[in-house]
């Protein structure tokens, strides 16, 4: 909390253990700041990586995945999230970021794969940089706000955006029984909310709403999960949720 003034809560939501930081400077005066966050598990490190990356930068073959945007570099490996920041976009600074990142990567012996839930996003048309792995409401509200906590006590979630503009969110509750109880609460909350308007549809296994920005939100039950499809058209939102089922 002392180091990340105002931004520590999201690290705690994913599972934070400790952080070490160090600044580096070369003979020409170019500086790079290095932060290594040790998270509680590889899933937590992966989740924070997806939270911090923009998805608009250059993909890097570092650890489990990396991204460089302007003078800002992130990668994850095992239970560690590594963030490097330069102070300009010169070739020398960018080269320094990459060299230091490689040096850190070699010292991290941990390994790990992205959480299995991520692989359940249908791959066709998925924008890889759009994937966000979530562990709680702070992360979820960053990708789509439901304006309630009722029914959103999921164990893990993932968001992906597709080439035609549709968004898919999978909320995993651990069991069908837990999902059923959560869905009863969430549906009731959305139905009485002034931010969502029920939208009629012909599918018996999905419920749809229209949010305050005019987007359609279709929610379908799928075992231990809720599949949430979001699009500017109702049919597309319904089809997106149905892809997972």
C-alpha atoms as a PDB file:
ATOM      1  CA  UNK A   1       0.000   0.000   0.000  1.00  0.00           C
ATOM      2  CA  UNK A   2       2.889   2.356   0.672  1.00  0.00           C
ATOM      3  CA  UNK A   3       4.529   1.670  -2.677  1.00  0.00           C
ATOM      4  CA  UNK A   4       1.419   1.499  -4.889  1.00  0.00           C
ATOM      5  CA  UNK A   5      -0.594   4.404  -3.564  1.00  0.00           C
ATOM      6  CA  UNK A   6      -4.192   3.847  -4.634  1.00  0.00           C
ATOM      7  CA  UNK A   7      -3.503   0.766  -6.764  1.00  0.00           C
ATOM      8  CA  UNK A   8      -2.731  -1.998  -4.274  1.00  0.00           C
ATOM      9  CA  UNK A   9      -6.223  -3.492  -3.949  1.00  0.00           C
ATOM     10  CA  UNK A  10      -6.223  -5.228  -7.330  1.00  0.00           C
ATOM     11  CA  UNK A  11      -2.941  -7.000  -6.497  1.00  0.00           C
ATOM     12  CA  UNK A  12      -4.524  -8.230  -3.283  1.00  0.00           C
ATOM     13  CA  UNK A  13      -7.568  -9.494  -5.155  1.00  0.00           C
ATOM     14  CA  UNK A  14      -5.396 -11.681  -7.375  1.00  0.00           C
ATOM     15  CA  UNK A  15      -3.146 -12.838  -4.535  1.00  0.00           C
ATOM     16  CA  UNK A  16      -0.073 -10.739  -3.707  1.00  0.00           C
ATOM     17  CA  UNK A  17       2.936 -11.948  -1.684  1.00  0.00           C
ATOM     18  CA  UNK A  18       5.702  -9.319  -1.997  1.00  0.00           C
ATOM     19  CA  UNK A  19       7.474  -6.956  -4.388  1.00  0.00           C
ATOM     20  CA  UNK A  20      11.087  -5.939  -4.991  1.00  0.00           C
ATOM     21  CA  UNK A  21      12.118  -2.895  -7.010  1.00  0.00           C
ATOM     22  CA  UNK A  22      15.350  -1.486  -8.375  1.00  0.00           C
ATOM     23  CA  UNK A  23      16.352   1.359 -10.689  1.00  0.00           C
ATOM     24  CA  UNK A  24      19.105   1.001 -13.298  1.00  0.00           C
ATOM     25  CA  UNK A  25      21.057   3.641 -15.206  1.00  0.00           C
ATOM     26  CA  UNK A  26      23.658   3.330 -17.966  1.00  0.00           C
ATOM     27  CA  UNK A  27      26.705   5.521 -18.586  1.00  0.00           C
ATOM     28  CA  UNK A  28      24.692   7.782 -20.905  1.00  0.00           C
ATOM     29  CA  UNK A  29      22.160   8.490 -18.165  1.00  0.00           C
ATOM     30  CA  UNK A  30      19.308   6.372 -19.576  1.00  0.00           C
ATOM     31  CA  UNK A  31      17.178   4.933 -16.756  1.00  0.00           C
ATOM     32  CA  UNK A  32      14.962   1.875 -16.349  1.00  0.00           C
ATOM     33  CA  UNK A  33      12.825   0.996 -13.336  1.00  0.00           C
ATOM     34  CA  UNK A  34      12.328  -2.701 -12.533  1.00  0.00           C
ATOM     35  CA  UNK A  35       9.522  -4.165 -10.389  1.00  0.00           C
ATOM     36  CA  UNK A  36       9.193  -7.889  -9.645  1.00  0.00           C
ATOM     37  CA  UNK A  37       5.911  -8.887  -8.036  1.00  0.00           C
ATOM     38  CA  UNK A  38       5.761 -12.309  -6.410  1.00  0.00           C
ATOM     39  CA  UNK A  39       2.162 -13.484  -6.494  1.00  0.00           C
ATOM     40  CA  UNK A  40       0.631 -16.423  -4.632  1.00  0.00           C
ATOM     41  CA  UNK A  41       0.353 -18.663  -7.718  1.00  0.00           C
ATOM     42  CA  UNK A  42       1.021 -18.632 -11.471  1.00  0.00           C
ATOM     43  CA  UNK A  43      -2.690 -17.935 -12.088  1.00  0.00           C
ATOM     44  CA  UNK A  44      -2.380 -14.752 -10.019  1.00  0.00           C
ATOM     45  CA  UNK A  45       0.699 -13.616 -11.949  1.00  0.00           C
ATOM     46  CA  UNK A  46      -1.018 -14.350 -15.264  1.00  0.00           C
ATOM     47  CA  UNK A  47      -4.120 -12.488 -14.134  1.00  0.00           C
ATOM     48  CA  UNK A  48      -2.199  -9.379 -13.127  1.00  0.00           C
ATOM     49  CA  UNK A  49      -0.311  -9.517 -16.426  1.00  0.00           C
ATOM     50  CA  UNK A  50      -3.586  -9.532 -18.377  1.00  0.00           C
ATOM     51  CA  UNK A  51      -4.887  -6.718 -16.175  1.00  0.00           C
ATOM     52  CA  UNK A  52      -1.843  -4.501 -16.722  1.00  0.00           C
ATOM     53  CA  UNK A  53      -1.248  -5.049 -20.432  1.00  0.00           C
ATOM     54  CA  UNK A  54      -3.142  -2.910 -22.917  1.00  0.00           C
ATOM     55  CA  UNK A  55      -3.300  -5.533 -25.656  1.00  0.00           C
ATOM     56  CA  UNK A  56      -2.154  -2.875 -28.123  1.00  0.00           C
ATOM     57  CA  UNK A  57       1.596  -3.315 -27.748  1.00  0.00           C
ATOM     58  CA  UNK A  58       4.167  -5.664 -29.241  1.00  0.00           C
ATOM     59  CA  UNK A  59       3.903  -9.282 -28.119  1.00  0.00           C
ATOM     60  CA  UNK A  60       7.169 -10.602 -26.665  1.00  0.00           C
ATOM     61  CA  UNK A  61       8.402 -14.160 -26.211  1.00  0.00           C
ATOM     62  CA  UNK A  62       9.205 -13.746 -22.537  1.00  0.00           C
ATOM     63  CA  UNK A  63       8.248 -16.246 -19.830  1.00  0.00           C
ATOM     64  CA  UNK A  64       4.592 -17.171 -20.153  1.00  0.00           C
ATOM     65  CA  UNK A  65       3.993 -14.070 -22.282  1.00  0.00           C
ATOM     66  CA  UNK A  66       5.085 -10.459 -22.541  1.00  0.00           C
ATOM     67  CA  UNK A  67       4.090  -7.140 -24.060  1.00  0.00           C
ATOM     68  CA  UNK A  68       6.056  -3.999 -24.877  1.00  0.00           C
ATOM     69  CA  UNK A  69       4.203  -0.733 -25.432  1.00  0.00           C
ATOM     70  CA  UNK A  70       6.147   2.504 -25.881  1.00  0.00           C
ATOM     71  CA  UNK A  71       8.584   2.397 -22.920  1.00  0.00           C
ATOM     72  CA  UNK A  72       6.539   0.028 -20.745  1.00  0.00           C
ATOM     73  CA  UNK A  73       7.234  -3.738 -20.637  1.00  0.00           C
ATOM     74  CA  UNK A  74       5.342  -6.467 -18.748  1.00  0.00           C
ATOM     75  CA  UNK A  75       5.812 -10.216 -18.663  1.00  0.00           C
ATOM     76  CA  UNK A  76       4.905 -13.081 -16.362  1.00  0.00           C
ATOM     77  CA  UNK A  77       6.658 -16.322 -15.544  1.00  0.00           C
ATOM     78  CA  UNK A  78       5.543 -18.813 -12.921  1.00  0.00           C
ATOM     79  CA  UNK A  79       4.216 -16.888  -9.938  1.00  0.00           C
ATOM     80  CA  UNK A  80       6.118 -13.704 -10.863  1.00  0.00           C
ATOM     81  CA  UNK A  81       4.928 -10.593 -12.696  1.00  0.00           C
ATOM     82  CA  UNK A  82       7.730  -8.379 -13.990  1.00  0.00           C
ATOM     83  CA  UNK A  83       7.196  -4.720 -14.933  1.00  0.00           C
ATOM     84  CA  UNK A  84       9.905  -2.521 -16.459  1.00  0.00           C
ATOM     85  CA  UNK A  85       9.480   1.173 -17.173  1.00  0.00           C
ATOM     86  CA  UNK A  86      11.747   3.434 -19.181  1.00  0.00           C
ATOM     87  CA  UNK A  87      11.454   7.199 -19.374  1.00  0.00           C
ATOM     88  CA  UNK A  88      11.519   7.779 -23.132  1.00  0.00           C
ATOM     89  CA  UNK A  89      10.922   5.840 -26.374  1.00  0.00           C
ATOM     90  CA  UNK A  90      14.443   6.014 -27.790  1.00  0.00           C
ATOM     91  CA  UNK A  91      15.936   2.875 -29.328  1.00  0.00           C
ATOM     92  CA  UNK A  92      18.542   2.783 -26.565  1.00  0.00           C
ATOM     93  CA  UNK A  93      15.902   2.782 -23.815  1.00  0.00           C
ATOM     94  CA  UNK A  94      13.795   0.107 -25.530  1.00  0.00           C
ATOM     95  CA  UNK A  95      16.898  -2.046 -26.000  1.00  0.00           C
ATOM     96  CA  UNK A  96      17.696  -1.606 -22.327  1.00  0.00           C
ATOM     97  CA  UNK A  97      14.184  -2.685 -21.320  1.00  0.00           C
ATOM     98  CA  UNK A  98      14.456  -5.839 -23.418  1.00  0.00           C
ATOM     99  CA  UNK A  99      17.967  -6.703 -22.195  1.00  0.00           C
ATOM    100  CA  UNK A 100      17.042  -6.275 -18.543  1.00  0.00           C
ATOM    101  CA  UNK A 101      13.819  -8.272 -19.025  1.00  0.00           C
ATOM    102  CA  UNK A 102      15.807 -11.159 -20.534  1.00  0.00           C
ATOM    103  CA  UNK A 103      18.257 -11.061 -17.631  1.00  0.00           C
ATOM    104  CA  UNK A 104      15.415 -11.275 -15.103  1.00  0.00           C
ATOM    105  CA  UNK A 105      13.649 -14.044 -17.025  1.00  0.00           C
ATOM    106  CA  UNK A 106      16.773 -16.211 -16.926  1.00  0.00           C
ATOM    107  CA  UNK A 107      16.880 -15.945 -13.129  1.00  0.00           C
ATOM    108  CA  UNK A 108      13.257 -17.051 -12.625  1.00  0.00           C
ATOM    109  CA  UNK A 109      13.128 -20.842 -12.456  1.00  0.00           C
ATOM    110  CA  UNK A 110       9.354 -21.062 -11.925  1.00  0.00           C
ATOM    111  CA  UNK A 111       7.044 -22.206 -14.683  1.00  0.00           C
ATOM    112  CA  UNK A 112       3.305 -22.378 -15.166  1.00  0.00           C
ATOM    113  CA  UNK A 113       0.477 -22.327 -17.668  1.00  0.00           C
ATOM    114  CA  UNK A 114      -2.473 -19.933 -17.985  1.00  0.00           C
ATOM    115  CA  UNK A 115      -5.534 -21.083 -16.014  1.00  0.00           C
ATOM    116  CA  UNK A 116      -7.613 -23.718 -17.787  1.00  0.00           C
ATOM    117  CA  UNK A 117     -10.650 -21.437 -17.953  1.00  0.00           C
ATOM    118  CA  UNK A 118      -8.822 -19.253 -20.476  1.00  0.00           C
ATOM    119  CA  UNK A 119      -8.697 -22.128 -22.965  1.00  0.00           C
ATOM    120  CA  UNK A 120     -12.503 -22.383 -22.869  1.00  0.00           C
ATOM    121  CA  UNK A 121     -12.890 -19.106 -24.747  1.00  0.00           C
ATOM    122  CA  UNK A 122     -13.810 -20.122 -28.329  1.00  0.00           C
ATOM    123  CA  UNK A 123     -10.660 -19.389 -30.371  1.00  0.00           C
ATOM    124  CA  UNK A 124     -12.196 -18.335 -33.695  1.00  0.00           C
ATOM    125  CA  UNK A 125     -11.937 -14.563 -34.040  1.00  0.00           C
ATOM    126  CA  UNK A 126     -10.571 -14.050 -30.516  1.00  0.00           C
ATOM    127  CA  UNK A 127      -8.249 -11.067 -30.118  1.00  0.00           C
ATOM    128  CA  UNK A 128      -5.454 -12.573 -27.977  1.00  0.00           C
ATOM    129  CA  UNK A 129      -4.484  -9.267 -26.387  1.00  0.00           C
ATOM    130  CA  UNK A 130      -8.055  -8.752 -25.186  1.00  0.00           C
ATOM    131  CA  UNK A 131      -8.051 -11.723 -22.797  1.00  0.00           C
ATOM    132  CA  UNK A 132      -8.407 -10.711 -19.151  1.00  0.00           C
ATOM    133  CA  UNK A 133      -8.310 -13.287 -16.351  1.00  0.00           C
ATOM    134  CA  UNK A 134     -10.282 -12.162 -13.295  1.00  0.00           C
ATOM    135  CA  UNK A 135     -10.477 -13.162  -9.655  1.00  0.00           C
ATOM    136  CA  UNK A 136     -12.981 -10.711  -8.210  1.00  0.00           C
ATOM    137  CA  UNK A 137     -15.198  -7.668  -8.553  1.00  0.00           C
ATOM    138  CA  UNK A 138     -12.397  -5.136  -8.982  1.00  0.00           C
ATOM    139  CA  UNK A 139     -11.200  -6.899 -12.113  1.00  0.00           C
ATOM    140  CA  UNK A 140     -14.718  -7.578 -13.394  1.00  0.00           C
ATOM    141  CA  UNK A 141     -15.815  -3.976 -12.979  1.00  0.00           C
ATOM    142  CA  UNK A 142     -12.792  -2.950 -15.021  1.00  0.00           C
ATOM    143  CA  UNK A 143     -14.012  -4.968 -18.033  1.00  0.00           C
ATOM    144  CA  UNK A 144     -17.798  -4.747 -17.522  1.00  0.00           C
ATOM    145  CA  UNK A 145     -19.670  -3.202 -14.564  1.00  0.00           C
ATOM    146  CA  UNK A 146     -22.826  -4.957 -13.381  1.00  0.00           C
ATOM    147  CA  UNK A 147     -23.268  -2.294 -10.675  1.00  0.00           C
ATOM    148  CA  UNK A 148     -23.924  -4.946  -8.036  1.00  0.00           C
ATOM    149  CA  UNK A 149     -22.055  -7.523  -5.996  1.00  0.00           C
ATOM    150  CA  UNK A 150     -25.035  -9.848  -5.525  1.00  0.00           C
ATOM    151  CA  UNK A 151     -24.587 -13.047  -7.484  1.00  0.00           C
ATOM    152  CA  UNK A 152     -21.022 -12.185  -8.506  1.00  0.00           C
ATOM    153  CA  UNK A 153     -19.103 -14.209  -5.927  1.00  0.00           C
ATOM    154  CA  UNK A 154     -17.434 -16.280  -8.644  1.00  0.00           C
ATOM    155  CA  UNK A 155     -14.224 -18.256  -8.127  1.00  0.00           C
ATOM    156  CA  UNK A 156     -12.602 -17.121 -11.368  1.00  0.00           C
ATOM    157  CA  UNK A 157     -13.603 -15.484 -14.645  1.00  0.00           C
ATOM    158  CA  UNK A 158     -12.225 -14.642 -18.068  1.00  0.00           C
ATOM    159  CA  UNK A 159     -13.082 -12.001 -20.666  1.00  0.00           C
ATOM    160  CA  UNK A 160     -12.361 -12.095 -24.403  1.00  0.00           C
ATOM    161  CA  UNK A 161     -13.206  -9.695 -27.239  1.00  0.00           C
ATOM    162  CA  UNK A 162     -13.776 -10.978 -30.749  1.00  0.00           C
ATOM    163  CA  UNK A 163     -13.077  -9.654 -34.220  1.00  0.00           C
ATOM    164  CA  UNK A 164     -16.662  -8.581 -34.857  1.00  0.00           C
ATOM    165  CA  UNK A 165     -16.880  -6.587 -31.630  1.00  0.00           C
ATOM    166  CA  UNK A 166     -18.622  -9.098 -29.403  1.00  0.00           C
ATOM    167  CA  UNK A 167     -17.474  -9.577 -25.809  1.00  0.00           C
ATOM    168  CA  UNK A 168     -17.663 -12.895 -23.974  1.00  0.00           C
ATOM    169  CA  UNK A 169     -17.293 -13.268 -20.210  1.00  0.00           C
ATOM    170  CA  UNK A 170     -17.216 -16.659 -18.471  1.00  0.00           C
ATOM    171  CA  UNK A 171     -17.956 -16.632 -14.746  1.00  0.00           C
ATOM    172  CA  UNK A 172     -17.025 -19.891 -12.999  1.00  0.00           C
ATOM    173  CA  UNK A 173     -18.623 -20.634  -9.603  1.00  0.00           C
ATOM    174  CA  UNK A 174     -17.028 -24.019  -8.957  1.00  0.00           C
ATOM    175  CA  UNK A 175     -20.238 -26.064  -9.083  1.00  0.00           C
ATOM    176  CA  UNK A 176     -23.616 -26.014 -10.786  1.00  0.00           C
ATOM    177  CA  UNK A 177     -25.310 -25.634  -7.403  1.00  0.00           C
ATOM    178  CA  UNK A 178     -23.274 -22.530  -6.529  1.00  0.00           C
ATOM    179  CA  UNK A 179     -23.854 -21.098  -9.998  1.00  0.00           C
ATOM    180  CA  UNK A 180     -27.604 -21.686  -9.711  1.00  0.00           C
ATOM    181  CA  UNK A 181     -27.855 -19.805  -6.417  1.00  0.00           C
ATOM    182  CA  UNK A 182     -25.662 -16.981  -7.689  1.00  0.00           C
ATOM    183  CA  UNK A 183     -27.658 -16.664 -10.907  1.00  0.00           C
ATOM    184  CA  UNK A 184     -30.918 -16.378  -8.965  1.00  0.00           C
ATOM    185  CA  UNK A 185     -29.441 -13.460  -7.017  1.00  0.00           C
ATOM    186  CA  UNK A 186     -27.819 -11.785 -10.025  1.00  0.00           C
ATOM    187  CA  UNK A 187     -30.896 -12.098 -12.238  1.00  0.00           C
ATOM    188  CA  UNK A 188     -33.159 -10.647  -9.552  1.00  0.00           C
ATOM    189  CA  UNK A 189     -30.742  -7.749  -9.023  1.00  0.00           C
ATOM    190  CA  UNK A 190     -30.543  -6.956 -12.753  1.00  0.00           C
ATOM    191  CA  UNK A 191     -34.318  -7.148 -13.168  1.00  0.00           C
ATOM    192  CA  UNK A 192     -34.894  -4.507 -10.500  1.00  0.00           C
ATOM    193  CA  UNK A 193     -31.940  -2.337 -11.492  1.00  0.00           C
ATOM    194  CA  UNK A 194     -32.592   0.993 -13.220  1.00  0.00           C
ATOM    195  CA  UNK A 195     -29.366   0.472 -15.214  1.00  0.00           C
ATOM    196  CA  UNK A 196     -30.661  -2.616 -17.056  1.00  0.00           C
ATOM    197  CA  UNK A 197     -33.826  -3.160 -19.060  1.00  0.00           C
ATOM    198  CA  UNK A 198     -35.107  -6.701 -19.772  1.00  0.00           C
ATOM    199  CA  UNK A 199     -34.933  -7.584 -23.474  1.00  0.00           C
ATOM    200  CA  UNK A 200     -37.324 -10.159 -24.917  1.00  0.00           C
ATOM    201  CA  UNK A 201     -35.807 -13.056 -26.823  1.00  0.00           C
ATOM    202  CA  UNK A 202     -36.981 -16.376 -28.242  1.00  0.00           C
ATOM    203  CA  UNK A 203     -34.397 -18.557 -26.505  1.00  0.00           C
ATOM    204  CA  UNK A 204     -35.592 -20.476 -23.475  1.00  0.00           C
ATOM    205  CA  UNK A 205     -32.085 -21.057 -22.086  1.00  0.00           C
ATOM    206  CA  UNK A 206     -30.840 -17.441 -22.057  1.00  0.00           C
ATOM    207  CA  UNK A 207     -31.900 -14.170 -20.437  1.00  0.00           C
ATOM    208  CA  UNK A 208     -31.138 -10.814 -22.047  1.00  0.00           C
ATOM    209  CA  UNK A 209     -30.945  -7.235 -20.866  1.00  0.00           C
ATOM    210  CA  UNK A 210     -30.114  -3.886 -22.416  1.00  0.00           C
ATOM    211  CA  UNK A 211     -27.693  -1.768 -20.427  1.00  0.00           C
ATOM    212  CA  UNK A 212     -27.486   1.992 -20.031  1.00  0.00           C
ATOM    213  CA  UNK A 213     -25.157   2.306 -23.024  1.00  0.00           C
ATOM    214  CA  UNK A 214     -27.543   0.505 -25.362  1.00  0.00           C
ATOM    215  CA  UNK A 215     -25.596  -2.752 -25.414  1.00  0.00           C
ATOM    216  CA  UNK A 216     -27.365  -6.100 -25.160  1.00  0.00           C
ATOM    217  CA  UNK A 217     -26.211  -8.478 -22.438  1.00  0.00           C
ATOM    218  CA  UNK A 218     -27.222 -12.141 -22.873  1.00  0.00           C
ATOM    219  CA  UNK A 219     -26.611 -14.542 -19.996  1.00  0.00           C
ATOM    220  CA  UNK A 220     -26.787 -18.332 -20.346  1.00  0.00           C
ATOM    221  CA  UNK A 221     -26.239 -21.067 -17.782  1.00  0.00           C
ATOM    222  CA  UNK A 222     -23.517 -23.605 -18.592  1.00  0.00           C
ATOM    223  CA  UNK A 223     -22.802 -26.107 -15.836  1.00  0.00           C
ATOM    224  CA  UNK A 224     -20.777 -24.384 -13.123  1.00  0.00           C
ATOM    225  CA  UNK A 225     -20.569 -21.230 -15.231  1.00  0.00           C
ATOM    226  CA  UNK A 226     -22.485 -18.276 -16.528  1.00  0.00           C
ATOM    227  CA  UNK A 227     -21.707 -17.269 -20.104  1.00  0.00           C
ATOM    228  CA  UNK A 228     -22.236 -13.557 -20.737  1.00  0.00           C
ATOM    229  CA  UNK A 229     -22.398 -12.292 -24.330  1.00  0.00           C
ATOM    230  CA  UNK A 230     -22.286  -8.531 -24.939  1.00  0.00           C
ATOM    231  CA  UNK A 231     -22.911  -6.822 -28.280  1.00  0.00           C
ATOM    232  CA  UNK A 232     -24.742  -3.874 -29.817  1.00  0.00           C
ATOM    233  CA  UNK A 233     -27.307  -6.267 -31.342  1.00  0.00           C
ATOM    234  CA  UNK A 234     -29.455  -8.723 -29.389  1.00  0.00           C
ATOM    235  CA  UNK A 235     -29.064 -11.687 -31.756  1.00  0.00           C
ATOM    236  CA  UNK A 236     -25.290 -11.380 -31.696  1.00  0.00           C
ATOM    237  CA  UNK A 237     -25.171 -11.160 -27.904  1.00  0.00           C
ATOM    238  CA  UNK A 238     -27.317 -14.295 -27.659  1.00  0.00           C
ATOM    239  CA  UNK A 239     -25.190 -16.138 -30.210  1.00  0.00           C
ATOM    240  CA  UNK A 240     -22.005 -15.222 -28.344  1.00  0.00           C
ATOM    241  CA  UNK A 241     -23.278 -16.673 -25.071  1.00  0.00           C
ATOM    242  CA  UNK A 242     -24.535 -19.765 -26.890  1.00  0.00           C
ATOM    243  CA  UNK A 243     -21.097 -20.490 -28.408  1.00  0.00           C
ATOM    244  CA  UNK A 244     -19.843 -21.651 -25.014  1.00  0.00           C
ATOM    245  CA  UNK A 245     -22.862 -23.844 -24.315  1.00  0.00           C
END
